[in-house]
N, C-alpha and C. Protein backbone atom coordinates (compact mmCIF):
# COMPACT_ATOMS: atom_id res chain seq x y z
N MET A 1 77.16 79.18 115.76
CA MET A 1 78.29 79.85 116.34
C MET A 1 78.53 79.34 117.76
N HIS A 2 79.68 79.07 118.08
CA HIS A 2 80.07 78.45 119.35
C HIS A 2 81.14 79.17 120.04
N ALA A 3 81.02 79.60 121.34
CA ALA A 3 82.04 80.52 121.85
C ALA A 3 82.97 79.52 122.67
N ALA A 4 84.24 79.79 122.52
CA ALA A 4 85.35 79.06 123.03
C ALA A 4 85.69 79.57 124.35
N ALA A 5 86.29 78.81 125.14
CA ALA A 5 86.56 79.19 126.56
C ALA A 5 87.60 80.42 126.50
N GLY A 6 87.45 81.39 127.43
CA GLY A 6 88.25 82.44 127.45
C GLY A 6 87.82 83.48 128.52
N GLY A 7 88.66 84.33 129.00
CA GLY A 7 88.39 85.31 129.99
C GLY A 7 87.55 86.56 129.34
N PRO A 8 86.99 87.44 130.12
CA PRO A 8 86.31 88.64 129.77
C PRO A 8 87.16 89.68 129.17
N ALA A 9 86.60 90.36 128.14
CA ALA A 9 87.46 91.40 127.58
C ALA A 9 87.64 92.57 128.60
N GLY A 10 88.73 93.17 128.57
CA GLY A 10 88.93 94.34 129.46
C GLY A 10 88.63 95.62 128.79
N ALA A 11 88.18 96.57 129.62
CA ALA A 11 87.72 97.92 129.10
C ALA A 11 88.94 98.58 128.68
N SER A 12 88.83 99.32 127.60
CA SER A 12 89.92 100.16 127.12
C SER A 12 89.65 101.64 126.61
N THR A 13 90.55 102.39 126.72
CA THR A 13 90.28 103.80 126.36
C THR A 13 91.45 104.27 125.37
N ALA A 14 91.00 105.27 124.56
CA ALA A 14 92.16 105.70 123.76
C ALA A 14 92.92 106.78 124.62
N PRO A 15 94.11 107.16 124.05
CA PRO A 15 95.05 108.00 124.74
C PRO A 15 94.27 109.26 125.36
N GLY A 16 93.40 109.93 124.61
CA GLY A 16 92.70 111.16 124.87
C GLY A 16 91.56 110.85 125.82
N GLY A 17 91.38 109.65 126.29
CA GLY A 17 90.19 109.27 127.29
C GLY A 17 89.02 108.78 126.59
N GLY A 18 88.82 109.00 125.30
CA GLY A 18 87.74 108.41 124.62
C GLY A 18 87.67 106.89 124.50
N ARG A 19 86.61 106.22 123.92
CA ARG A 19 86.57 104.87 123.68
C ARG A 19 87.60 104.47 122.78
N ARG A 20 88.44 103.44 123.15
CA ARG A 20 89.32 102.86 122.19
C ARG A 20 88.66 101.75 121.27
N GLY A 21 89.06 101.75 119.97
CA GLY A 21 88.42 100.83 119.20
C GLY A 21 88.62 99.39 119.42
N ILE A 22 87.99 98.42 118.91
CA ILE A 22 88.01 97.08 119.16
C ILE A 22 88.72 96.42 118.03
N PRO A 23 89.75 95.67 118.14
CA PRO A 23 90.40 95.01 117.00
C PRO A 23 89.74 93.50 116.80
N PHE A 24 89.22 93.31 115.82
CA PHE A 24 88.45 92.14 115.40
C PHE A 24 89.48 91.21 114.53
N VAL A 25 89.79 90.02 114.76
CA VAL A 25 90.58 89.19 113.79
C VAL A 25 89.86 88.03 113.24
N MET A 26 89.90 88.05 111.94
CA MET A 26 89.14 87.08 111.26
C MET A 26 90.20 86.03 110.59
N THR A 27 89.94 84.82 110.84
CA THR A 27 90.93 83.75 110.25
C THR A 27 90.19 82.60 109.82
N GLY A 28 90.74 81.97 108.74
CA GLY A 28 90.20 80.75 108.34
C GLY A 28 91.04 80.21 107.16
N ALA A 29 90.93 79.03 106.79
CA ALA A 29 91.62 78.38 105.65
C ALA A 29 91.48 79.08 104.33
N SER A 30 92.35 79.12 103.52
CA SER A 30 92.25 79.65 102.15
C SER A 30 91.04 79.05 101.50
N GLY A 31 90.10 79.74 100.88
CA GLY A 31 88.96 79.03 100.07
C GLY A 31 87.67 78.96 100.97
N VAL A 32 87.89 79.34 102.39
CA VAL A 32 86.73 79.03 103.19
C VAL A 32 85.51 80.04 102.98
N GLY A 33 85.86 81.13 102.45
CA GLY A 33 84.86 82.12 102.06
C GLY A 33 84.96 83.43 103.14
N LYS A 34 86.07 83.66 103.59
CA LYS A 34 86.40 84.85 104.47
C LYS A 34 86.06 86.13 103.87
N ASP A 35 86.37 86.44 102.55
CA ASP A 35 86.11 87.62 101.82
C ASP A 35 84.75 87.80 101.54
N THR A 36 83.96 86.75 101.26
CA THR A 36 82.41 86.78 100.86
C THR A 36 81.73 87.29 102.28
N ILE A 37 82.01 86.60 103.39
CA ILE A 37 81.49 86.78 104.54
C ILE A 37 81.61 88.19 104.85
N ARG A 38 82.89 88.78 104.72
CA ARG A 38 83.29 90.15 105.07
C ARG A 38 82.48 91.02 104.21
N ARG A 39 82.40 90.87 102.94
CA ARG A 39 81.61 91.83 102.03
C ARG A 39 80.15 91.96 102.39
N GLU A 40 79.62 90.89 102.78
CA GLU A 40 78.24 90.71 103.05
C GLU A 40 77.95 91.31 104.47
N ALA A 41 78.87 91.04 105.42
CA ALA A 41 78.51 91.39 106.84
C ALA A 41 78.90 92.81 107.19
N VAL A 42 79.85 93.48 106.65
CA VAL A 42 80.37 94.82 107.11
C VAL A 42 79.59 95.94 106.85
N PRO A 43 78.81 96.01 105.64
CA PRO A 43 77.99 97.14 105.39
C PRO A 43 76.92 97.39 106.61
N ALA A 44 76.41 96.36 107.20
CA ALA A 44 75.40 96.51 108.27
C ALA A 44 76.05 96.79 109.68
N LEU A 45 77.38 96.83 109.81
CA LEU A 45 77.97 96.95 111.07
C LEU A 45 78.48 98.44 111.40
N GLY A 46 78.12 99.41 110.56
CA GLY A 46 78.45 100.80 110.97
C GLY A 46 79.94 100.88 110.75
N ASP A 47 80.55 101.71 111.50
CA ASP A 47 81.90 102.23 111.22
C ASP A 47 82.91 101.09 111.70
N LEU A 48 83.21 100.25 110.75
CA LEU A 48 84.16 99.26 110.99
C LEU A 48 85.31 99.37 109.98
N PHE A 49 86.45 99.72 110.48
CA PHE A 49 87.72 100.00 109.50
C PHE A 49 88.34 98.54 109.14
N TYR A 50 88.29 98.39 107.89
CA TYR A 50 88.96 97.17 107.24
C TYR A 50 90.37 97.31 107.06
N SER A 51 91.26 96.67 107.65
CA SER A 51 92.77 96.70 107.46
C SER A 51 93.10 96.06 106.16
N VAL A 52 93.62 96.72 105.22
CA VAL A 52 94.06 96.11 104.07
C VAL A 52 95.59 95.54 104.34
N SER A 53 95.65 94.13 104.06
CA SER A 53 96.96 93.58 104.27
C SER A 53 97.93 93.96 103.05
N ALA A 54 99.17 93.81 103.40
CA ALA A 54 100.19 93.84 102.24
C ALA A 54 100.60 92.24 101.97
N THR A 55 100.88 92.10 100.77
CA THR A 55 101.40 90.73 100.14
C THR A 55 102.26 90.83 99.08
N THR A 56 103.16 89.86 99.00
CA THR A 56 104.03 89.66 97.87
C THR A 56 103.43 88.68 96.77
N ARG A 57 102.29 88.06 96.97
CA ARG A 57 101.70 87.22 96.01
C ARG A 57 101.21 87.82 94.95
N GLY A 58 101.14 87.08 93.70
CA GLY A 58 100.78 87.91 92.45
C GLY A 58 99.35 88.45 92.47
N GLN A 59 99.17 89.45 91.68
CA GLN A 59 97.82 90.11 91.56
C GLN A 59 96.98 89.34 90.75
N ARG A 60 95.70 88.88 91.22
CA ARG A 60 94.92 88.15 90.47
C ARG A 60 94.02 89.08 89.56
N PRO A 61 93.30 88.54 88.50
CA PRO A 61 92.40 89.33 87.53
C PRO A 61 91.40 90.00 88.55
N GLY A 62 91.20 91.28 88.30
CA GLY A 62 90.09 91.97 88.95
C GLY A 62 90.57 92.61 90.27
N GLU A 63 91.61 92.19 90.77
CA GLU A 63 92.04 92.79 92.00
C GLU A 63 92.75 94.17 91.73
N GLU A 64 92.70 95.07 92.73
CA GLU A 64 93.34 96.28 92.73
C GLU A 64 94.13 96.51 93.92
N HIS A 65 95.30 97.32 93.59
CA HIS A 65 96.19 97.61 94.52
C HIS A 65 95.58 98.61 95.59
N GLY A 66 95.58 98.22 96.79
CA GLY A 66 95.14 99.04 97.79
C GLY A 66 93.68 98.71 98.32
N VAL A 67 93.07 97.77 97.57
CA VAL A 67 91.69 97.36 97.75
C VAL A 67 91.67 95.94 98.43
N GLN A 68 91.93 94.95 97.65
CA GLN A 68 92.10 93.57 98.05
C GLN A 68 93.38 93.55 99.13
N TYR A 69 94.36 94.00 98.54
CA TYR A 69 95.82 94.00 99.28
C TYR A 69 96.56 95.13 98.70
N TYR A 70 97.67 95.48 99.35
CA TYR A 70 98.80 96.26 98.91
C TYR A 70 99.87 95.23 98.24
N PHE A 71 99.85 95.29 97.09
CA PHE A 71 100.70 94.23 96.35
C PHE A 71 102.13 94.80 96.24
N LEU A 72 103.09 94.22 96.99
CA LEU A 72 104.37 94.70 97.15
C LEU A 72 105.54 93.64 96.59
N THR A 73 106.57 94.18 96.23
CA THR A 73 107.70 93.31 95.86
C THR A 73 108.33 92.80 97.11
N PRO A 74 108.97 91.52 97.17
CA PRO A 74 109.57 90.94 98.33
C PRO A 74 110.59 92.01 99.06
N GLN A 75 111.25 92.69 98.14
CA GLN A 75 112.22 93.79 98.68
C GLN A 75 111.61 94.71 99.50
N ARG A 76 110.33 95.39 98.94
CA ARG A 76 109.57 96.41 99.82
C ARG A 76 109.01 95.91 101.01
N PHE A 77 108.57 94.73 100.95
CA PHE A 77 107.95 94.05 102.25
C PHE A 77 109.15 93.85 103.24
N GLU A 78 110.21 93.35 102.80
CA GLU A 78 111.32 93.11 103.86
C GLU A 78 111.87 94.40 104.36
N SER A 79 111.75 95.54 103.46
CA SER A 79 112.04 96.87 104.14
C SER A 79 111.20 97.41 105.12
N MET A 80 109.84 97.21 105.06
CA MET A 80 108.95 97.43 106.02
C MET A 80 109.01 96.50 107.24
N LEU A 81 109.45 95.46 107.07
CA LEU A 81 109.73 94.53 108.29
C LEU A 81 110.76 94.97 109.02
N ARG A 82 111.95 95.49 108.40
CA ARG A 82 113.22 95.99 108.92
C ARG A 82 112.79 97.34 109.80
N ASP A 83 111.87 98.04 109.19
CA ASP A 83 111.65 99.39 109.81
C ASP A 83 110.51 99.32 110.84
N ASP A 84 109.96 98.09 111.19
CA ASP A 84 108.97 97.96 112.18
C ASP A 84 107.69 98.50 111.74
N GLY A 85 107.47 98.48 110.41
CA GLY A 85 106.23 99.03 109.76
C GLY A 85 105.05 98.02 109.79
N LEU A 86 105.32 96.71 110.19
CA LEU A 86 104.29 95.81 110.10
C LEU A 86 103.82 95.38 111.55
N LEU A 87 102.61 95.18 111.77
CA LEU A 87 102.08 94.81 113.12
C LEU A 87 102.10 93.35 113.25
N GLU A 88 102.18 92.60 112.24
CA GLU A 88 102.28 91.13 112.08
C GLU A 88 102.67 90.83 110.67
N TRP A 89 103.15 89.63 110.48
CA TRP A 89 103.45 89.12 109.22
C TRP A 89 103.62 87.62 109.25
N ALA A 90 103.45 87.01 108.18
CA ALA A 90 103.58 85.52 108.00
C ALA A 90 104.11 85.12 106.62
N ASP A 91 104.60 83.99 106.39
CA ASP A 91 105.06 83.37 105.13
C ASP A 91 104.09 82.35 104.92
N TYR A 92 103.11 82.43 103.86
CA TYR A 92 102.03 81.57 103.67
C TYR A 92 102.25 80.88 102.14
N VAL A 93 102.58 79.58 102.13
CA VAL A 93 102.81 78.77 101.09
C VAL A 93 103.63 79.60 100.17
N GLY A 94 104.78 80.19 100.52
CA GLY A 94 105.69 80.79 99.58
C GLY A 94 105.61 82.45 99.37
N ASP A 95 104.51 82.88 99.88
CA ASP A 95 104.27 84.40 99.82
C ASP A 95 104.28 85.06 101.11
N TYR A 96 104.67 86.20 101.17
CA TYR A 96 104.53 87.20 102.40
C TYR A 96 103.21 87.72 102.56
N TYR A 97 102.67 87.95 103.84
CA TYR A 97 101.60 88.55 104.09
C TYR A 97 101.83 89.38 105.34
N GLY A 98 101.26 90.67 105.35
CA GLY A 98 101.53 91.38 106.64
C GLY A 98 100.64 92.60 106.78
N THR A 99 100.40 93.04 108.11
CA THR A 99 99.47 94.08 108.32
C THR A 99 100.33 95.46 108.61
N PRO A 100 100.12 96.42 107.75
CA PRO A 100 100.70 97.84 107.91
C PRO A 100 100.40 98.35 109.33
N ARG A 101 101.39 98.67 110.15
CA ARG A 101 100.99 99.07 111.50
C ARG A 101 100.26 100.46 111.81
N ALA A 102 100.55 101.41 110.97
CA ALA A 102 100.30 102.79 111.33
C ALA A 102 98.82 102.80 111.01
N PRO A 103 98.04 102.35 110.04
CA PRO A 103 96.63 102.64 109.77
C PRO A 103 95.85 101.91 110.91
N VAL A 104 96.25 100.83 111.41
CA VAL A 104 95.59 100.01 112.53
C VAL A 104 95.60 100.86 113.80
N GLU A 105 96.77 101.36 114.07
CA GLU A 105 97.03 101.87 115.31
C GLU A 105 96.26 103.28 115.47
N ALA A 106 96.20 104.02 114.30
CA ALA A 106 95.59 105.25 114.26
C ALA A 106 94.05 105.13 114.18
N ALA A 107 93.43 104.04 113.66
CA ALA A 107 91.98 103.81 113.73
C ALA A 107 91.55 103.53 115.22
N LEU A 108 92.39 102.64 115.74
CA LEU A 108 92.01 102.18 117.20
C LEU A 108 91.98 103.37 118.12
N ALA A 109 93.02 104.22 117.92
CA ALA A 109 93.21 105.32 118.92
C ALA A 109 92.13 106.31 118.75
N ALA A 110 91.61 106.40 117.45
CA ALA A 110 90.49 107.34 117.26
C ALA A 110 89.19 106.73 117.52
N GLY A 111 89.08 105.50 118.15
CA GLY A 111 87.90 104.91 118.56
C GLY A 111 87.14 104.12 117.57
N ARG A 112 87.74 103.87 116.45
CA ARG A 112 87.14 103.07 115.39
C ARG A 112 87.39 101.46 115.55
N ASP A 113 86.41 100.62 115.46
CA ASP A 113 86.79 99.24 115.36
C ASP A 113 87.44 98.89 114.12
N VAL A 114 88.29 97.80 114.15
CA VAL A 114 89.09 97.40 113.17
C VAL A 114 88.86 96.01 112.82
N LEU A 115 88.64 95.54 111.70
CA LEU A 115 88.71 94.25 111.19
C LEU A 115 89.91 93.86 110.45
N LEU A 116 90.56 92.80 110.94
CA LEU A 116 91.88 92.29 110.38
C LEU A 116 91.64 90.93 109.88
N GLU A 117 91.73 90.57 108.55
CA GLU A 117 91.72 89.18 108.13
C GLU A 117 93.14 88.68 107.87
N LEU A 118 93.45 87.73 108.75
CA LEU A 118 94.86 87.22 108.99
C LEU A 118 94.95 85.60 108.79
N GLU A 119 96.05 85.32 108.28
CA GLU A 119 96.38 83.83 108.43
C GLU A 119 96.73 83.34 109.83
N LEU A 120 96.86 82.11 110.20
CA LEU A 120 96.95 81.66 111.49
C LEU A 120 98.09 82.25 112.24
N ALA A 121 99.26 82.09 111.56
CA ALA A 121 100.54 82.77 112.25
C ALA A 121 100.36 84.24 112.51
N GLY A 122 99.89 84.94 111.57
CA GLY A 122 99.60 86.36 111.75
C GLY A 122 98.67 86.72 112.95
N ALA A 123 97.58 85.83 112.96
CA ALA A 123 96.51 86.15 114.06
C ALA A 123 97.27 85.89 115.44
N ARG A 124 97.98 84.86 115.46
CA ARG A 124 98.76 84.60 116.88
C ARG A 124 99.73 85.70 117.13
N GLN A 125 100.34 86.34 116.35
CA GLN A 125 101.25 87.55 116.46
C GLN A 125 100.33 88.68 116.88
N LEU A 126 99.22 88.95 116.15
CA LEU A 126 98.45 90.06 116.46
C LEU A 126 97.92 89.93 118.02
N LYS A 127 97.47 88.76 118.24
CA LYS A 127 96.91 88.54 119.72
C LYS A 127 97.88 88.83 120.82
N ARG A 128 99.23 88.60 120.47
CA ARG A 128 100.33 88.86 121.29
C ARG A 128 100.53 90.36 121.48
N ALA A 129 100.38 91.10 120.31
CA ALA A 129 100.55 92.54 120.31
C ALA A 129 99.37 93.25 120.91
N LEU A 130 98.10 92.64 120.58
CA LEU A 130 96.87 93.30 121.04
C LEU A 130 96.13 92.34 121.76
N PRO A 131 96.34 92.07 123.07
CA PRO A 131 95.65 91.02 123.80
C PRO A 131 94.08 91.17 123.94
N GLU A 132 93.65 92.40 123.71
CA GLU A 132 92.28 92.66 123.72
C GLU A 132 91.56 92.30 122.51
N ALA A 133 92.22 91.91 121.43
CA ALA A 133 91.68 91.34 120.15
C ALA A 133 90.61 90.35 120.18
N VAL A 134 89.53 90.39 119.47
CA VAL A 134 88.59 89.38 119.57
C VAL A 134 88.79 88.55 118.24
N MET A 135 89.05 87.26 118.61
CA MET A 135 89.43 86.35 117.51
C MET A 135 88.31 85.35 117.12
N ILE A 136 88.03 85.42 115.64
CA ILE A 136 86.88 84.82 115.11
C ILE A 136 87.53 83.88 113.90
N PHE A 137 87.20 82.41 114.15
CA PHE A 137 87.63 81.58 113.08
C PHE A 137 86.44 81.16 112.18
N ILE A 138 86.77 81.31 110.92
CA ILE A 138 85.78 80.79 109.93
C ILE A 138 86.26 79.41 109.50
N ALA A 139 85.26 78.47 109.66
CA ALA A 139 85.53 77.15 109.51
C ALA A 139 84.67 76.60 108.41
N PRO A 140 85.30 75.69 107.50
CA PRO A 140 84.51 75.05 106.47
C PRO A 140 83.60 73.88 107.01
N PRO A 141 82.52 73.44 106.54
CA PRO A 141 81.81 72.30 107.10
C PRO A 141 82.41 71.06 107.07
N SER A 142 83.48 70.87 106.06
CA SER A 142 84.43 69.66 106.11
C SER A 142 85.51 70.07 105.21
N LEU A 143 86.66 69.21 105.29
CA LEU A 143 87.72 69.43 104.59
C LEU A 143 87.40 69.12 103.03
N ALA A 144 86.62 68.07 102.92
CA ALA A 144 86.23 67.79 101.51
C ALA A 144 85.59 69.00 100.75
N GLU A 145 84.72 69.69 101.44
CA GLU A 145 83.95 70.79 100.92
C GLU A 145 84.97 71.89 100.65
N LEU A 146 86.05 72.00 101.53
CA LEU A 146 86.96 73.20 101.30
C LEU A 146 87.76 72.77 100.00
N GLU A 147 88.16 71.55 99.84
CA GLU A 147 88.93 71.22 98.58
C GLU A 147 87.97 71.43 97.32
N ARG A 148 86.76 71.19 97.47
CA ARG A 148 85.88 71.45 96.25
C ARG A 148 85.81 72.92 95.94
N ARG A 149 85.85 73.80 96.97
CA ARG A 149 85.83 75.12 96.73
C ARG A 149 87.18 75.76 96.07
N LEU A 150 88.35 75.21 96.54
CA LEU A 150 89.55 75.54 96.13
C LEU A 150 89.83 75.17 94.70
N ARG A 151 89.26 73.92 94.34
CA ARG A 151 89.32 73.54 92.94
C ARG A 151 88.40 74.35 91.89
N GLY A 152 87.31 74.72 92.49
CA GLY A 152 86.31 75.51 91.83
C GLY A 152 86.76 76.92 91.59
N ARG A 153 87.86 77.51 92.27
CA ARG A 153 88.22 78.71 91.93
C ARG A 153 88.97 78.94 90.83
N GLY A 154 89.72 77.67 90.43
CA GLY A 154 90.62 77.58 89.27
C GLY A 154 91.85 78.71 89.21
N THR A 155 92.33 78.92 90.48
CA THR A 155 93.36 80.00 90.46
C THR A 155 94.76 79.21 90.88
N ASP A 156 94.73 77.99 91.43
CA ASP A 156 95.94 77.36 91.78
C ASP A 156 96.13 76.08 91.05
N ASP A 157 97.54 75.74 90.95
CA ASP A 157 97.79 74.45 90.35
C ASP A 157 97.65 73.27 91.41
N GLU A 158 97.86 72.00 91.08
CA GLU A 158 97.76 70.99 92.03
C GLU A 158 98.67 71.10 93.21
N ALA A 159 99.84 71.46 92.95
CA ALA A 159 100.85 71.58 94.15
C ALA A 159 100.35 72.59 95.09
N LYS A 160 99.91 73.68 94.67
CA LYS A 160 99.42 74.85 95.47
C LYS A 160 98.13 74.43 96.41
N ILE A 161 97.24 73.67 95.57
CA ILE A 161 96.19 73.14 96.21
C ILE A 161 96.43 72.33 97.47
N GLN A 162 97.35 71.36 97.14
CA GLN A 162 97.76 70.49 98.35
C GLN A 162 98.52 71.22 99.43
N LYS A 163 99.24 72.20 99.16
CA LYS A 163 99.75 72.94 100.22
C LYS A 163 98.83 73.72 100.99
N ARG A 164 97.81 74.29 100.26
CA ARG A 164 96.72 74.92 100.99
C ARG A 164 95.85 74.10 101.94
N LEU A 165 95.68 72.82 101.29
CA LEU A 165 95.01 71.70 102.15
C LEU A 165 95.74 71.48 103.34
N ALA A 166 96.91 71.22 103.24
CA ALA A 166 97.81 70.82 104.44
C ALA A 166 97.82 72.05 105.32
N ARG A 167 97.93 73.34 104.92
CA ARG A 167 97.86 74.30 105.93
C ARG A 167 96.42 74.45 106.58
N ALA A 168 95.51 74.08 105.83
CA ALA A 168 94.01 74.23 106.40
C ALA A 168 93.81 73.07 107.48
N ARG A 169 94.52 72.02 107.36
CA ARG A 169 94.47 70.94 108.59
C ARG A 169 95.11 71.59 109.73
N GLU A 170 96.15 72.14 109.59
CA GLU A 170 96.85 72.82 110.75
C GLU A 170 96.05 73.98 111.44
N GLU A 171 95.52 74.77 110.48
CA GLU A 171 94.59 75.87 111.10
C GLU A 171 93.35 75.42 111.76
N ILE A 172 92.76 74.55 111.11
CA ILE A 172 91.43 73.77 111.84
C ILE A 172 91.81 73.32 113.18
N ARG A 173 92.97 72.55 113.17
CA ARG A 173 93.27 72.13 114.67
C ARG A 173 93.54 73.08 115.74
N ALA A 174 93.75 74.38 115.26
CA ALA A 174 94.03 75.56 116.20
C ALA A 174 92.83 76.09 116.54
N VAL A 175 91.64 75.70 116.10
CA VAL A 175 90.35 76.53 116.30
C VAL A 175 90.11 76.69 117.77
N ARG A 176 90.61 76.00 118.80
CA ARG A 176 90.16 76.30 120.13
C ARG A 176 90.92 77.43 120.72
N GLU A 177 91.96 78.09 119.86
CA GLU A 177 92.62 79.26 120.27
C GLU A 177 91.75 80.51 120.20
N PHE A 178 90.74 80.33 119.35
CA PHE A 178 89.88 81.43 119.05
C PHE A 178 88.68 81.59 120.12
N ASP A 179 88.19 82.79 120.05
CA ASP A 179 86.96 83.10 120.87
C ASP A 179 85.69 82.65 120.40
N TYR A 180 85.57 82.73 119.01
CA TYR A 180 84.24 82.19 118.26
C TYR A 180 84.80 81.41 117.12
N VAL A 181 83.79 80.62 116.72
CA VAL A 181 83.96 79.80 115.50
C VAL A 181 82.62 80.01 114.62
N VAL A 182 82.82 80.46 113.42
CA VAL A 182 81.53 80.57 112.58
C VAL A 182 81.73 79.52 111.38
N VAL A 183 80.86 78.61 111.33
CA VAL A 183 80.95 77.60 110.19
C VAL A 183 80.25 78.06 108.99
N ASN A 184 80.89 78.21 107.75
CA ASN A 184 80.52 78.73 106.54
C ASN A 184 79.82 77.54 105.83
N ASP A 185 78.73 77.10 106.17
CA ASP A 185 78.05 76.00 105.42
C ASP A 185 76.86 76.52 104.69
N GLU A 186 76.38 77.71 105.08
CA GLU A 186 75.34 78.33 104.46
C GLU A 186 75.58 79.89 104.72
N LEU A 187 75.81 80.67 103.55
CA LEU A 187 76.39 82.05 103.72
C LEU A 187 75.56 82.90 104.54
N GLY A 188 74.19 82.97 104.38
CA GLY A 188 73.33 83.73 105.14
C GLY A 188 73.44 83.68 106.60
N ARG A 189 73.45 82.36 107.01
CA ARG A 189 73.67 82.05 108.43
C ARG A 189 74.96 82.49 108.94
N ALA A 190 76.14 82.21 108.13
CA ALA A 190 77.44 82.62 108.50
C ALA A 190 77.64 84.03 108.67
N VAL A 191 76.92 84.72 107.74
CA VAL A 191 76.96 86.34 107.81
C VAL A 191 76.26 86.77 109.12
N HIS A 192 75.04 86.21 109.37
CA HIS A 192 74.39 86.63 110.52
C HIS A 192 75.22 86.21 111.79
N GLU A 193 75.86 85.23 111.98
CA GLU A 193 76.62 84.93 113.15
C GLU A 193 77.87 85.77 113.25
N PHE A 194 78.50 86.17 112.06
CA PHE A 194 79.60 86.95 112.22
C PHE A 194 79.13 88.42 112.82
N GLN A 195 77.89 88.81 112.34
CA GLN A 195 77.62 90.13 112.63
C GLN A 195 77.20 90.18 114.27
N ALA A 196 76.60 88.84 114.73
CA ALA A 196 76.19 88.86 116.02
C ALA A 196 77.53 89.00 117.01
N VAL A 197 78.55 88.35 116.37
CA VAL A 197 79.81 88.48 117.30
C VAL A 197 80.15 89.96 117.58
N VAL A 198 80.15 90.64 116.52
CA VAL A 198 80.67 91.96 116.55
C VAL A 198 79.72 92.70 117.33
N ARG A 199 78.42 92.71 117.23
CA ARG A 199 77.40 93.54 117.91
C ARG A 199 77.65 93.04 119.41
N ALA A 200 77.71 91.92 119.71
CA ALA A 200 77.71 91.58 121.11
C ALA A 200 79.12 92.06 121.78
N GLU A 201 80.19 92.02 121.19
CA GLU A 201 81.50 92.47 121.74
C GLU A 201 81.33 93.98 121.99
N ARG A 202 80.67 94.68 121.16
CA ARG A 202 80.49 96.18 121.18
C ARG A 202 79.78 96.60 122.46
N VAL A 203 78.97 95.73 122.96
CA VAL A 203 78.12 96.03 124.15
C VAL A 203 78.56 95.29 125.47
N ARG A 204 79.68 94.81 125.42
CA ARG A 204 80.30 94.13 126.70
C ARG A 204 80.22 95.02 127.76
N ALA A 205 79.78 94.72 128.95
CA ALA A 205 79.87 95.63 130.04
C ALA A 205 81.13 95.86 130.57
N THR A 206 82.10 94.97 130.30
CA THR A 206 83.65 95.25 130.65
C THR A 206 84.19 96.32 129.77
N ARG A 207 83.55 96.76 128.74
CA ARG A 207 84.13 97.79 127.95
C ARG A 207 83.67 99.15 128.52
N LEU A 208 82.87 99.21 129.38
CA LEU A 208 82.28 100.45 129.80
C LEU A 208 83.51 101.29 130.52
N ARG A 209 83.36 102.56 130.24
CA ARG A 209 84.41 103.46 131.00
C ARG A 209 83.75 104.04 132.37
N ASP A 210 84.48 104.62 133.13
CA ASP A 210 83.94 105.17 134.32
C ASP A 210 82.86 106.24 134.08
N GLU A 211 83.14 107.15 133.02
CA GLU A 211 82.21 108.12 132.72
C GLU A 211 80.89 107.67 132.19
N ASP A 212 80.98 106.35 131.55
CA ASP A 212 79.72 105.85 130.97
C ASP A 212 78.76 105.42 132.21
N VAL A 213 79.47 104.86 133.21
CA VAL A 213 78.64 104.34 134.44
C VAL A 213 78.00 105.57 135.19
N ARG A 214 78.95 106.68 135.35
CA ARG A 214 78.48 107.84 135.91
C ARG A 214 77.23 108.36 135.20
N ALA A 215 77.23 108.37 133.75
CA ALA A 215 76.03 108.83 132.96
C ALA A 215 74.78 108.03 133.27
N PHE A 216 75.08 106.75 133.46
CA PHE A 216 73.88 105.93 133.85
C PHE A 216 73.20 106.22 135.17
N LEU A 217 74.05 106.70 136.07
CA LEU A 217 73.65 107.23 137.39
C LEU A 217 73.24 108.62 137.57
N ARG A 218 73.19 109.42 136.55
CA ARG A 218 72.91 110.69 136.60
C ARG A 218 71.42 110.90 136.86
N GLU A 219 70.99 111.62 137.83
CA GLU A 219 69.60 111.86 138.27
C GLU A 219 68.95 113.03 137.78
N SER A 220 69.64 113.93 137.13
CA SER A 220 69.01 115.13 136.60
C SER A 220 69.70 115.59 135.46
């Protein structure tokens, strides 16, 4: 795990004065293993709200509406976009992806940390909307290994694989925009490093509120 250059996170509070949740953004090329890392890492991280994205791509075998994604028609997606119902959105190799705004804002205001799994364009939008977001990039050990994994999934035709690889090159070149990079060469190590990022960010001194410091100073 390598930290990229960047300023310290700022303390934040919810409207009622309590701790505001931390938004964690997870980005990486299609096929790099983001879903696997998330499924393995999140159960040990306590109360971490996973933001389910909306998409217009086809539903794959074994997927459920509202679990992996909210599967929407292009017309429904565009309606949410017009109504400002999406926190971010992107067009990824011909399909729309976006984050429903209301659940994320409600969780953060309630003091819950939120994990968002986004494509590069969406991650950039989210960072502009929520500058305090912690940005984590999941990288493959090499582009050749990423291609092997994409072909092994057996879900895309050759044209779509080539589109995904072209997009992966663009995403990897943007890695220095992120706060952390976790290389998914060995799953156990990648999961451990991802968990370490979340735990470290939760105990940043800059996230302390004035009342926290006063509690430390209490003498009786």
